[in-house]
Amino acid sequence: MLGAIAWFTLPLHGACLFVAAVVVMFGAARIGRQLGLAERHFFAVSPLCVAVGLVGARLWHCLAYEPERYLRQPLSMLELWEPGNGLLGGVAAAAIVLAVYARRAQVPAATFVGCFVWALPLGQAIGRVGCFAVHDCPGKPTSFCLAVRWPDGVLRHDVALYEIVLCLLLFAANVALLHRNRARPETLIRLWLVAYGATRIGLDNLRARGADSFGLTPSQWTGIAMVLVGAVGGGVLFPAPPSRIGR
């Protein structure tokens, strides 16, 4: 039975992640084209973002949640096919790749990254579909109307389901803001930091796994930092370029 579950889980997760990556890539290219950026930049950097992001996601989980185990067996951190990956680490690693690429390609870094962030919530929602389908994010027992019955027969919060809904709402906000010319891609970076940071702070309270350090999980501490950076320091870290110049 365990072998059958593992066989089902890996392809499903992989398929959802693949679709998510493709959607984000084409979505970012679409917005970039509207802003005068060449599509080739988005298609060239996306595969590298995926590869580095997978490594970053794995390292984030290993070092943030199980450091004692993986520091004793450091080579096991590279077993990307094993359970244990963190979205925040993957996004951070991909963002570094985007920033380095933008500098070398001489395109506005904040605008370039912001184009990807425009489509990122939709990609997150698609990726979480795999988590929801295989019950990868167990929550605390509850009688809430959206509770899901888990294989152990207990009604629980399904954090993946909640995140799907919230990410779709965030993507809808991104679409509306750009469509009405009320925000630039750089502004969407700040919006994502605040909105998703707050999401992780809240949803981690519903997870079956308890706090790990000083009353909060590593993702909650990171979420607090994200909210602060997005709300306070975003204007300095992600300034808007003076003009739209396509290269």
C-alpha atoms as a PDB file:
ATOM      1  CA  MET A   1       0.000   0.000   0.000  1.00  0.00           C
ATOM      2  CA  LEU A   2       2.755   2.484   0.893  1.00  0.00           C
ATOM      3  CA  GLY A   3       4.503   1.780  -2.370  1.00  0.00           C
ATOM      4  CA  ALA A   4       1.326   2.457  -4.312  1.00  0.00           C
ATOM      5  CA  ILE A   5       0.782   5.754  -2.476  1.00  0.00           C
ATOM      6  CA  ALA A   6       4.362   6.848  -3.151  1.00  0.00           C
ATOM      7  CA  TRP A   7       4.015   5.912  -6.833  1.00  0.00           C
ATOM      8  CA  PHE A   8       0.849   8.016  -7.069  1.00  0.00           C
ATOM      9  CA  THR A   9       2.118  10.981  -5.059  1.00  0.00           C
ATOM     10  CA  LEU A  10       5.363  11.651  -6.905  1.00  0.00           C
ATOM     11  CA  PRO A  11       3.894  11.837 -10.443  1.00  0.00           C
ATOM     12  CA  LEU A  12       0.957  13.929  -9.265  1.00  0.00           C
ATOM     13  CA  HIS A  13       3.125  16.415  -7.416  1.00  0.00           C
ATOM     14  CA  GLY A  14       5.531  16.531 -10.317  1.00  0.00           C
ATOM     15  CA  ALA A  15       2.749  17.119 -12.836  1.00  0.00           C
ATOM     16  CA  CYS A  16       1.269  19.968 -10.778  1.00  0.00           C
ATOM     17  CA  LEU A  17       4.665  21.598 -10.321  1.00  0.00           C
ATOM     18  CA  PHE A  18       5.410  21.297 -14.039  1.00  0.00           C
ATOM     19  CA  VAL A  19       2.089  22.889 -15.007  1.00  0.00           C
ATOM     20  CA  ALA A  20       2.609  25.613 -12.401  1.00  0.00           C
ATOM     21  CA  ALA A  21       6.073  26.450 -13.757  1.00  0.00           C
ATOM     22  CA  VAL A  22       4.804  26.636 -17.336  1.00  0.00           C
ATOM     23  CA  VAL A  23       1.870  28.844 -16.344  1.00  0.00           C
ATOM     24  CA  VAL A  24       4.115  31.243 -14.427  1.00  0.00           C
ATOM     25  CA  MET A  25       6.614  31.410 -17.292  1.00  0.00           C
ATOM     26  CA  PHE A  26       4.030  32.225 -19.960  1.00  0.00           C
ATOM     27  CA  GLY A  27       2.148  34.566 -17.638  1.00  0.00           C
ATOM     28  CA  ALA A  28       5.315  36.509 -16.843  1.00  0.00           C
ATOM     29  CA  ALA A  29       6.255  36.663 -20.530  1.00  0.00           C
ATOM     30  CA  ARG A  30       2.825  38.023 -21.378  1.00  0.00           C
ATOM     31  CA  ILE A  31       3.066  40.850 -18.867  1.00  0.00           C
ATOM     32  CA  GLY A  32       6.677  41.517 -19.811  1.00  0.00           C
ATOM     33  CA  ARG A  33       5.729  41.863 -23.468  1.00  0.00           C
ATOM     34  CA  GLN A  34       3.123  44.450 -22.552  1.00  0.00           C
ATOM     35  CA  LEU A  35       5.818  46.402 -20.706  1.00  0.00           C
ATOM     36  CA  GLY A  36       8.263  46.250 -23.590  1.00  0.00           C
ATOM     37  CA  LEU A  37      10.505  43.450 -22.329  1.00  0.00           C
ATOM     38  CA  ALA A  38      11.589  40.773 -24.775  1.00  0.00           C
ATOM     39  CA  GLU A  39       9.928  37.390 -24.224  1.00  0.00           C
ATOM     40  CA  ARG A  40      13.211  35.586 -24.788  1.00  0.00           C
ATOM     41  CA  HIS A  41      14.419  36.676 -21.349  1.00  0.00           C
ATOM     42  CA  PHE A  42      11.529  34.932 -19.610  1.00  0.00           C
ATOM     43  CA  PHE A  43      11.871  31.713 -21.579  1.00  0.00           C
ATOM     44  CA  ALA A  44      15.650  31.650 -21.134  1.00  0.00           C
ATOM     45  CA  VAL A  45      15.717  32.070 -17.350  1.00  0.00           C
ATOM     46  CA  SER A  46      12.675  29.987 -16.354  1.00  0.00           C
ATOM     47  CA  PRO A  47      14.278  26.502 -16.584  1.00  0.00           C
ATOM     48  CA  LEU A  48      17.162  27.669 -14.401  1.00  0.00           C
ATOM     49  CA  CYS A  49      14.707  29.162 -11.903  1.00  0.00           C
ATOM     50  CA  VAL A  50      12.923  25.816 -11.663  1.00  0.00           C
ATOM     51  CA  ALA A  51      16.148  23.853 -11.143  1.00  0.00           C
ATOM     52  CA  VAL A  52      17.606  26.228  -8.566  1.00  0.00           C
ATOM     53  CA  GLY A  53      14.192  26.659  -6.940  1.00  0.00           C
ATOM     54  CA  LEU A  54      13.872  22.933  -6.348  1.00  0.00           C
ATOM     55  CA  VAL A  55      17.242  22.896  -4.599  1.00  0.00           C
ATOM     56  CA  GLY A  56      16.320  25.962  -2.571  1.00  0.00           C
ATOM     57  CA  ALA A  57      12.999  24.425  -1.539  1.00  0.00           C
ATOM     58  CA  ARG A  58      14.749  21.291  -0.370  1.00  0.00           C
ATOM     59  CA  LEU A  59      17.450  23.144   1.565  1.00  0.00           C
ATOM     60  CA  TRP A  60      14.847  25.371   3.213  1.00  0.00           C
ATOM     61  CA  HIS A  61      12.952  22.389   4.580  1.00  0.00           C
ATOM     62  CA  CYS A  62      16.080  20.567   5.718  1.00  0.00           C
ATOM     63  CA  LEU A  63      17.726  23.504   7.475  1.00  0.00           C
ATOM     64  CA  ALA A  64      14.604  25.232   8.818  1.00  0.00           C
ATOM     65  CA  TYR A  65      12.608  22.238  10.026  1.00  0.00           C
ATOM     66  CA  GLU A  66      14.998  19.321  10.556  1.00  0.00           C
ATOM     67  CA  PRO A  67      18.518  20.775  10.915  1.00  0.00           C
ATOM     68  CA  GLU A  68      19.755  18.190  13.412  1.00  0.00           C
ATOM     69  CA  ARG A  69      18.876  15.296  11.149  1.00  0.00           C
ATOM     70  CA  TYR A  70      20.271  16.732   7.941  1.00  0.00           C
ATOM     71  CA  LEU A  71      23.417  18.227   9.408  1.00  0.00           C
ATOM     72  CA  ARG A  72      24.283  14.709  10.541  1.00  0.00           C
ATOM     73  CA  GLN A  73      23.603  13.448   7.009  1.00  0.00           C
ATOM     74  CA  PRO A  74      24.253  16.476   4.759  1.00  0.00           C
ATOM     75  CA  LEU A  75      24.237  14.524   1.500  1.00  0.00           C
ATOM     76  CA  SER A  76      20.612  13.557   2.097  1.00  0.00           C
ATOM     77  CA  MET A  77      19.700  17.214   1.546  1.00  0.00           C
ATOM     78  CA  LEU A  78      20.266  16.615  -2.153  1.00  0.00           C
ATOM     79  CA  GLU A  79      17.667  13.840  -2.333  1.00  0.00           C
ATOM     80  CA  LEU A  80      15.123  16.059  -4.074  1.00  0.00           C
ATOM     81  CA  TRP A  81      12.763  13.145  -4.663  1.00  0.00           C
ATOM     82  CA  GLU A  82      12.275  12.616  -0.926  1.00  0.00           C
ATOM     83  CA  PRO A  83       9.405  14.304   0.986  1.00  0.00           C
ATOM     84  CA  GLY A  84      10.266  17.663   2.450  1.00  0.00           C
ATOM     85  CA  ASN A  85      10.335  20.826   0.353  1.00  0.00           C
ATOM     86  CA  GLY A  86       9.536  24.400   1.317  1.00  0.00           C
ATOM     87  CA  LEU A  87       7.939  26.877  -1.079  1.00  0.00           C
ATOM     88  CA  LEU A  88       9.564  29.875   0.593  1.00  0.00           C
ATOM     89  CA  GLY A  89      13.043  28.515  -0.011  1.00  0.00           C
ATOM     90  CA  GLY A  90      12.234  27.779  -3.632  1.00  0.00           C
ATOM     91  CA  VAL A  91      10.854  31.267  -4.268  1.00  0.00           C
ATOM     92  CA  ALA A  92      13.856  32.899  -2.593  1.00  0.00           C
ATOM     93  CA  ALA A  93      16.304  30.877  -4.678  1.00  0.00           C
ATOM     94  CA  ALA A  94      14.421  31.616  -7.902  1.00  0.00           C
ATOM     95  CA  ALA A  95      14.297  35.335  -7.047  1.00  0.00           C
ATOM     96  CA  ILE A  96      18.096  35.407  -6.726  1.00  0.00           C
ATOM     97  CA  VAL A  97      18.428  33.795 -10.147  1.00  0.00           C
ATOM     98  CA  LEU A  98      16.047  36.365 -11.641  1.00  0.00           C
ATOM     99  CA  ALA A  99      17.910  39.286 -10.079  1.00  0.00           C
ATOM    100  CA  VAL A 100      21.299  38.043 -11.330  1.00  0.00           C
ATOM    101  CA  TYR A 101      19.931  37.375 -14.809  1.00  0.00           C
ATOM    102  CA  ALA A 102      18.281  40.812 -14.989  1.00  0.00           C
ATOM    103  CA  ARG A 103      21.542  42.507 -14.058  1.00  0.00           C
ATOM    104  CA  ARG A 104      23.502  40.637 -16.704  1.00  0.00           C
ATOM    105  CA  ALA A 105      20.825  41.107 -19.359  1.00  0.00           C
ATOM    106  CA  GLN A 106      20.504  44.790 -18.443  1.00  0.00           C
ATOM    107  CA  VAL A 107      16.759  44.728 -17.887  1.00  0.00           C
ATOM    108  CA  PRO A 108      15.026  46.465 -14.948  1.00  0.00           C
ATOM    109  CA  ALA A 109      15.340  43.897 -12.176  1.00  0.00           C
ATOM    110  CA  ALA A 110      12.285  44.943 -10.155  1.00  0.00           C
ATOM    111  CA  THR A 111      10.062  44.980 -13.241  1.00  0.00           C
ATOM    112  CA  PHE A 112      11.465  41.652 -14.432  1.00  0.00           C
ATOM    113  CA  VAL A 113      10.883  39.937 -11.086  1.00  0.00           C
ATOM    114  CA  GLY A 114       7.510  41.633 -10.753  1.00  0.00           C
ATOM    115  CA  CYS A 115       6.303  40.063 -13.991  1.00  0.00           C
ATOM    116  CA  PHE A 116       6.915  36.625 -12.511  1.00  0.00           C
ATOM    117  CA  VAL A 117       5.273  37.635  -9.246  1.00  0.00           C
ATOM    118  CA  TRP A 118       2.156  38.663 -11.191  1.00  0.00           C
ATOM    119  CA  ALA A 119       1.642  35.022 -12.200  1.00  0.00           C
ATOM    120  CA  LEU A 120       3.164  33.429  -9.100  1.00  0.00           C
ATOM    121  CA  PRO A 121      -0.061  33.125  -7.037  1.00  0.00           C
ATOM    122  CA  LEU A 122      -1.718  31.205  -9.867  1.00  0.00           C
ATOM    123  CA  GLY A 123       1.272  28.894 -10.024  1.00  0.00           C
ATOM    124  CA  GLN A 124       1.134  28.418  -6.254  1.00  0.00           C
ATOM    125  CA  ALA A 125      -2.545  27.486  -6.438  1.00  0.00           C
ATOM    126  CA  ILE A 126      -1.852  24.906  -9.159  1.00  0.00           C
ATOM    127  CA  GLY A 127       1.064  23.471  -7.208  1.00  0.00           C
ATOM    128  CA  ARG A 128      -1.049  23.148  -4.067  1.00  0.00           C
ATOM    129  CA  VAL A 129      -3.621  21.106  -5.978  1.00  0.00           C
ATOM    130  CA  GLY A 130      -1.162  18.227  -5.804  1.00  0.00           C
ATOM    131  CA  CYS A 131      -0.747  18.745  -2.054  1.00  0.00           C
ATOM    132  CA  PHE A 132      -4.520  18.791  -1.593  1.00  0.00           C
ATOM    133  CA  ALA A 133      -5.072  15.658  -3.678  1.00  0.00           C
ATOM    134  CA  VAL A 134      -2.627  13.542  -1.672  1.00  0.00           C
ATOM    135  CA  HIS A 135      -3.308  15.093   1.774  1.00  0.00           C
ATOM    136  CA  ASP A 136       0.162  16.555   2.069  1.00  0.00           C
ATOM    137  CA  CYS A 137      -0.681  19.419   4.456  1.00  0.00           C
ATOM    138  CA  PRO A 138      -2.504  17.931   7.461  1.00  0.00           C
ATOM    139  CA  GLY A 139      -4.229  20.371   9.756  1.00  0.00           C
ATOM    140  CA  LYS A 140      -5.657  20.223  13.238  1.00  0.00           C
ATOM    141  CA  PRO A 141      -8.946  18.385  13.867  1.00  0.00           C
ATOM    142  CA  THR A 142     -11.947  20.629  13.312  1.00  0.00           C
ATOM    143  CA  SER A 143     -15.679  20.748  12.642  1.00  0.00           C
ATOM    144  CA  PHE A 144     -15.270  23.662  10.210  1.00  0.00           C
ATOM    145  CA  CYS A 145     -17.505  23.497   7.129  1.00  0.00           C
ATOM    146  CA  LEU A 146     -14.480  23.141   4.815  1.00  0.00           C
ATOM    147  CA  ALA A 147     -12.933  20.341   6.857  1.00  0.00           C
ATOM    148  CA  VAL A 148     -11.647  17.341   4.910  1.00  0.00           C
ATOM    149  CA  ARG A 149     -11.784  13.751   6.121  1.00  0.00           C
ATOM    150  CA  TRP A 150      -8.254  12.381   6.159  1.00  0.00           C
ATOM    151  CA  PRO A 151      -7.183   8.759   5.665  1.00  0.00           C
ATOM    152  CA  ASP A 152      -7.179   8.316   9.453  1.00  0.00           C
ATOM    153  CA  GLY A 153     -10.905   9.123   9.465  1.00  0.00           C
ATOM    154  CA  VAL A 154     -10.508  12.446  11.285  1.00  0.00           C
ATOM    155  CA  LEU A 155     -11.991  15.699   9.965  1.00  0.00           C
ATOM    156  CA  ARG A 156      -9.146  18.184   9.701  1.00  0.00           C
ATOM    157  CA  HIS A 157      -8.276  21.588   8.305  1.00  0.00           C
ATOM    158  CA  ASP A 158      -6.709  21.154   4.868  1.00  0.00           C
ATOM    159  CA  VAL A 159      -4.143  23.934   4.718  1.00  0.00           C
ATOM    160  CA  ALA A 160      -3.472  23.262   1.032  1.00  0.00           C
ATOM    161  CA  LEU A 161      -7.130  23.865   0.193  1.00  0.00           C
ATOM    162  CA  TYR A 162      -7.167  27.163   2.070  1.00  0.00           C
ATOM    163  CA  GLU A 163      -3.973  28.263   0.361  1.00  0.00           C
ATOM    164  CA  ILE A 164      -5.415  27.442  -3.062  1.00  0.00           C
ATOM    165  CA  VAL A 165      -8.360  29.741  -2.391  1.00  0.00           C
ATOM    166  CA  LEU A 166      -6.228  32.567  -0.995  1.00  0.00           C
ATOM    167  CA  CYS A 167      -3.696  32.375  -3.833  1.00  0.00           C
ATOM    168  CA  LEU A 168      -6.461  32.520  -6.426  1.00  0.00           C
ATOM    169  CA  LEU A 169      -7.833  35.628  -4.715  1.00  0.00           C
ATOM    170  CA  LEU A 170      -4.367  37.200  -4.745  1.00  0.00           C
ATOM    171  CA  PHE A 171      -3.961  36.400  -8.432  1.00  0.00           C
ATOM    172  CA  ALA A 172      -7.351  37.983  -9.149  1.00  0.00           C
ATOM    173  CA  ALA A 173      -6.149  41.110  -7.332  1.00  0.00           C
ATOM    174  CA  ASN A 174      -2.962  41.156  -9.443  1.00  0.00           C
ATOM    175  CA  VAL A 175      -4.976  40.903 -12.644  1.00  0.00           C
ATOM    176  CA  ALA A 176      -7.346  43.671 -11.583  1.00  0.00           C
ATOM    177  CA  LEU A 177      -4.576  46.015 -10.470  1.00  0.00           C
ATOM    178  CA  LEU A 178      -2.577  45.747 -13.680  1.00  0.00           C
ATOM    179  CA  HIS A 179      -5.659  45.784 -15.888  1.00  0.00           C
ATOM    180  CA  ARG A 180      -6.722  49.093 -14.360  1.00  0.00           C
ATOM    181  CA  ASN A 181      -3.151  50.456 -14.409  1.00  0.00           C
ATOM    182  CA  ARG A 182      -3.275  50.923 -10.649  1.00  0.00           C
ATOM    183  CA  ALA A 183      -0.022  49.110  -9.953  1.00  0.00           C
ATOM    184  CA  ARG A 184       3.254  48.307 -11.624  1.00  0.00           C
ATOM    185  CA  PRO A 185       4.911  44.875 -11.418  1.00  0.00           C
ATOM    186  CA  GLU A 186       7.315  46.209  -8.783  1.00  0.00           C
ATOM    187  CA  THR A 187       4.353  47.017  -6.569  1.00  0.00           C
ATOM    188  CA  LEU A 188       3.095  43.454  -6.944  1.00  0.00           C
ATOM    189  CA  ILE A 189       6.292  42.225  -5.293  1.00  0.00           C
ATOM    190  CA  ARG A 190       5.403  44.192  -2.188  1.00  0.00           C
ATOM    191  CA  LEU A 191       1.799  43.015  -2.346  1.00  0.00           C
ATOM    192  CA  TRP A 192       2.884  39.375  -2.583  1.00  0.00           C
ATOM    193  CA  LEU A 193       5.310  39.737   0.333  1.00  0.00           C
ATOM    194  CA  VAL A 194       2.625  41.208   2.568  1.00  0.00           C
ATOM    195  CA  ALA A 195      -0.274  39.005   1.437  1.00  0.00           C
ATOM    196  CA  TYR A 196       1.547  35.689   1.316  1.00  0.00           C
ATOM    197  CA  GLY A 197       3.570  36.470   4.424  1.00  0.00           C
ATOM    198  CA  ALA A 198       0.328  37.067   6.312  1.00  0.00           C
ATOM    199  CA  THR A 199      -1.115  33.895   4.781  1.00  0.00           C
ATOM    200  CA  ARG A 200       1.726  31.759   6.113  1.00  0.00           C
ATOM    201  CA  ILE A 201       1.499  33.377   9.542  1.00  0.00           C
ATOM    202  CA  GLY A 202      -2.181  32.521   9.749  1.00  0.00           C
ATOM    203  CA  LEU A 203      -2.345  29.133   8.074  1.00  0.00           C
ATOM    204  CA  ASP A 204       0.558  27.652   9.998  1.00  0.00           C
ATOM    205  CA  ASN A 205      -1.573  28.031  13.132  1.00  0.00           C
ATOM    206  CA  LEU A 206      -3.927  25.456  11.614  1.00  0.00           C
ATOM    207  CA  ARG A 207      -1.273  22.868  10.792  1.00  0.00           C
ATOM    208  CA  ALA A 208      -1.098  19.686  12.801  1.00  0.00           C
ATOM    209  CA  ARG A 209       2.589  20.273  13.321  1.00  0.00           C
ATOM    210  CA  GLY A 210       3.169  22.661  16.204  1.00  0.00           C
ATOM    211  CA  ALA A 211       5.547  25.566  16.666  1.00  0.00           C
ATOM    212  CA  ASP A 212       9.259  24.847  16.412  1.00  0.00           C
ATOM    213  CA  SER A 213      10.989  27.883  17.895  1.00  0.00           C
ATOM    214  CA  PHE A 214       9.872  30.609  20.285  1.00  0.00           C
ATOM    215  CA  GLY A 215       6.213  29.762  19.773  1.00  0.00           C
ATOM    216  CA  LEU A 216       6.188  30.014  15.971  1.00  0.00           C
ATOM    217  CA  THR A 217       7.177  27.891  12.992  1.00  0.00           C
ATOM    218  CA  PRO A 218      10.072  28.885  10.714  1.00  0.00           C
ATOM    219  CA  SER A 219       7.534  29.786   8.022  1.00  0.00           C
ATOM    220  CA  GLN A 220       5.723  32.096  10.432  1.00  0.00           C
ATOM    221  CA  TRP A 221       8.928  33.881  11.374  1.00  0.00           C
ATOM    222  CA  THR A 222       9.717  34.231   7.685  1.00  0.00           C
ATOM    223  CA  GLY A 223       6.180  35.452   7.066  1.00  0.00           C
ATOM    224  CA  ILE A 224       6.656  38.209   9.643  1.00  0.00           C
ATOM    225  CA  ALA A 225       9.853  39.302   7.888  1.00  0.00           C
ATOM    226  CA  MET A 226       8.057  39.264   4.538  1.00  0.00           C
ATOM    227  CA  VAL A 227       5.255  41.480   5.820  1.00  0.00           C
ATOM    228  CA  LEU A 228       7.727  43.967   7.289  1.00  0.00           C
ATOM    229  CA  VAL A 229       9.840  44.111   4.144  1.00  0.00           C
ATOM    230  CA  GLY A 230       6.829  44.455   1.883  1.00  0.00           C
ATOM    231  CA  ALA A 231       5.086  47.074   3.998  1.00  0.00           C
ATOM    232  CA  VAL A 232       8.052  49.128   5.184  1.00  0.00           C
ATOM    233  CA  GLY A 233      11.125  48.478   3.074  1.00  0.00           C
ATOM    234  CA  GLY A 234       9.611  47.619  -0.282  1.00  0.00           C
ATOM    235  CA  GLY A 235       9.974  51.096  -1.737  1.00  0.00           C
ATOM    236  CA  VAL A 236      13.726  51.001  -1.138  1.00  0.00           C
ATOM    237  CA  LEU A 237      14.340  47.405  -2.184  1.00  0.00           C
ATOM    238  CA  PHE A 238      12.033  47.433  -5.215  1.00  0.00           C
ATOM    239  CA  PRO A 239      12.091  50.935  -6.699  1.00  0.00           C
ATOM    240  CA  ALA A 240      10.204  51.614  -9.899  1.00  0.00           C
ATOM    241  CA  PRO A 241      12.408  52.229 -12.952  1.00  0.00           C
ATOM    242  CA  PRO A 242      12.220  55.712 -14.512  1.00  0.00           C
ATOM    243  CA  SER A 243      10.851  54.434 -17.793  1.00  0.00           C
ATOM    244  CA  ARG A 244       9.784  51.331 -19.657  1.00  0.00           C
ATOM    245  CA  ILE A 245      12.661  50.349 -21.869  1.00  0.00           C
ATOM    246  CA  GLY A 246      12.500  47.134 -23.828  1.00  0.00           C
ATOM    247  CA  ARG A 247      15.678  45.276 -24.607  1.00  0.00           C
END
